[in-house]
Amino acid sequence: MTIELRELYGSPNGDRWYLARDVDLGQVFIRHEPNLPSGGKAENIEVGAFLSQSGQGPEHRELLRLIGTLVGGNVLQNSSPNRSTMG
């Protein structure tokens, strides 16, 4: 199994959150690696579950910022902000 990681956020207490991708399966998920005093046991979290968690800390904001960069520069003019532009 090959996992690619991109760090989203590292907290001052040592916790780390990564955007992760299992290259073999094509699955994308969040990997949380807590600091050692918290137990240090890493967990993988489905992206939707991660974004729906309460708290919306800096790790959530960074994931949303990163997702936002995927559409940067592709401006679509739309007079109605509620109108869907997807097929």
Protein backbone atom coordinates (compact mmCIF):
# COMPACT_ATOMS: atom_id res chain seq x y z
CA MET A 1 0.00 0.00 0.00
CA THR A 2 1.40 3.40 -1.04
CA ILE A 3 0.11 6.47 0.81
CA GLU A 4 0.87 10.03 -0.30
CA LEU A 5 0.55 12.73 2.37
CA ARG A 6 0.25 16.51 2.29
CA GLU A 7 0.31 18.22 5.68
CA LEU A 8 -2.75 20.37 6.29
CA TYR A 9 -1.97 21.59 9.79
CA GLY A 10 0.37 21.01 12.67
CA SER A 11 -0.90 22.18 16.05
CA PRO A 12 1.35 23.69 18.73
CA ASN A 13 0.69 20.61 20.91
CA GLY A 14 2.10 18.28 18.25
CA ASP A 15 -1.05 16.97 16.57
CA ARG A 16 -0.78 16.70 12.77
CA TRP A 17 -3.47 16.49 10.07
CA TYR A 18 -2.72 15.36 6.54
CA LEU A 19 -4.63 15.09 3.30
CA ALA A 20 -3.83 11.53 2.29
CA ARG A 21 -4.28 9.42 -0.80
CA ASP A 22 -3.98 5.67 -1.12
CA VAL A 23 -2.33 5.47 -4.52
CA ASP A 24 -3.29 1.82 -5.09
CA LEU A 25 -6.99 2.23 -4.23
CA GLY A 26 -7.41 5.85 -5.32
CA GLN A 27 -9.02 6.72 -1.98
CA VAL A 28 -8.58 10.18 -0.44
CA PHE A 29 -8.93 10.72 3.30
CA ILE A 30 -7.69 12.76 6.24
CA ARG A 31 -5.00 11.24 8.43
CA HIS A 32 -4.85 12.55 12.00
CA GLU A 33 -1.71 11.82 13.98
CA PRO A 34 -2.23 12.92 17.61
CA ASN A 35 0.68 13.82 19.85
CA LEU A 36 2.18 11.13 22.06
CA PRO A 37 0.56 12.33 25.34
CA SER A 38 -2.83 11.98 23.60
CA GLY A 39 -2.09 8.38 22.76
CA GLY A 40 -0.29 8.89 19.46
CA LYS A 41 -2.52 6.43 17.56
CA ALA A 42 -3.13 7.70 14.03
CA GLU A 43 -6.59 7.50 12.51
CA ASN A 44 -7.89 7.83 8.97
CA ILE A 45 -11.07 9.88 8.54
CA GLU A 46 -13.29 10.04 5.46
CA VAL A 47 -13.20 13.57 4.00
CA GLY A 48 -16.96 14.13 4.32
CA ALA A 49 -16.97 12.95 7.94
CA PHE A 50 -14.01 15.20 8.71
CA LEU A 51 -15.70 18.27 7.24
CA SER A 52 -18.96 17.55 9.07
CA GLN A 53 -17.26 17.36 12.50
CA SER A 54 -18.02 20.19 14.88
CA GLY A 55 -15.29 22.62 15.78
CA GLN A 56 -14.13 23.69 12.34
CA GLY A 57 -10.58 24.30 13.52
CA PRO A 58 -7.57 25.45 11.51
CA GLU A 59 -7.17 21.98 9.99
CA HIS A 60 -10.68 22.24 8.52
CA ARG A 61 -10.06 25.76 7.23
CA GLU A 62 -6.83 24.65 5.56
CA LEU A 63 -8.55 21.76 3.78
CA LEU A 64 -11.25 24.13 2.51
CA ARG A 65 -8.59 26.63 1.43
CA LEU A 66 -6.75 23.88 -0.44
CA ILE A 67 -9.95 22.75 -2.17
CA GLY A 68 -10.57 26.37 -3.13
CA THR A 69 -7.23 26.53 -4.94
CA LEU A 70 -8.50 23.90 -7.38
CA VAL A 71 -10.86 26.46 -8.91
CA GLY A 72 -8.59 29.49 -8.64
CA GLY A 73 -8.37 31.34 -11.95
CA ASN A 74 -11.41 29.60 -13.47
CA VAL A 75 -13.91 32.39 -12.97
CA LEU A 76 -17.43 31.61 -14.17
CA GLN A 77 -19.72 34.57 -14.59
CA ASN A 78 -23.10 33.81 -13.08
CA SER A 79 -25.72 36.44 -12.32
CA SER A 80 -27.52 34.24 -9.78
CA PRO A 81 -25.40 33.11 -6.79
CA ASN A 82 -27.88 30.30 -6.02
CA ARG A 83 -27.96 28.84 -9.52
CA SER A 84 -25.99 25.66 -9.98
CA THR A 85 -23.44 25.63 -12.78
CA MET A 86 -23.10 21.86 -12.77
CA GLY A 87 -24.85 19.72 -15.39
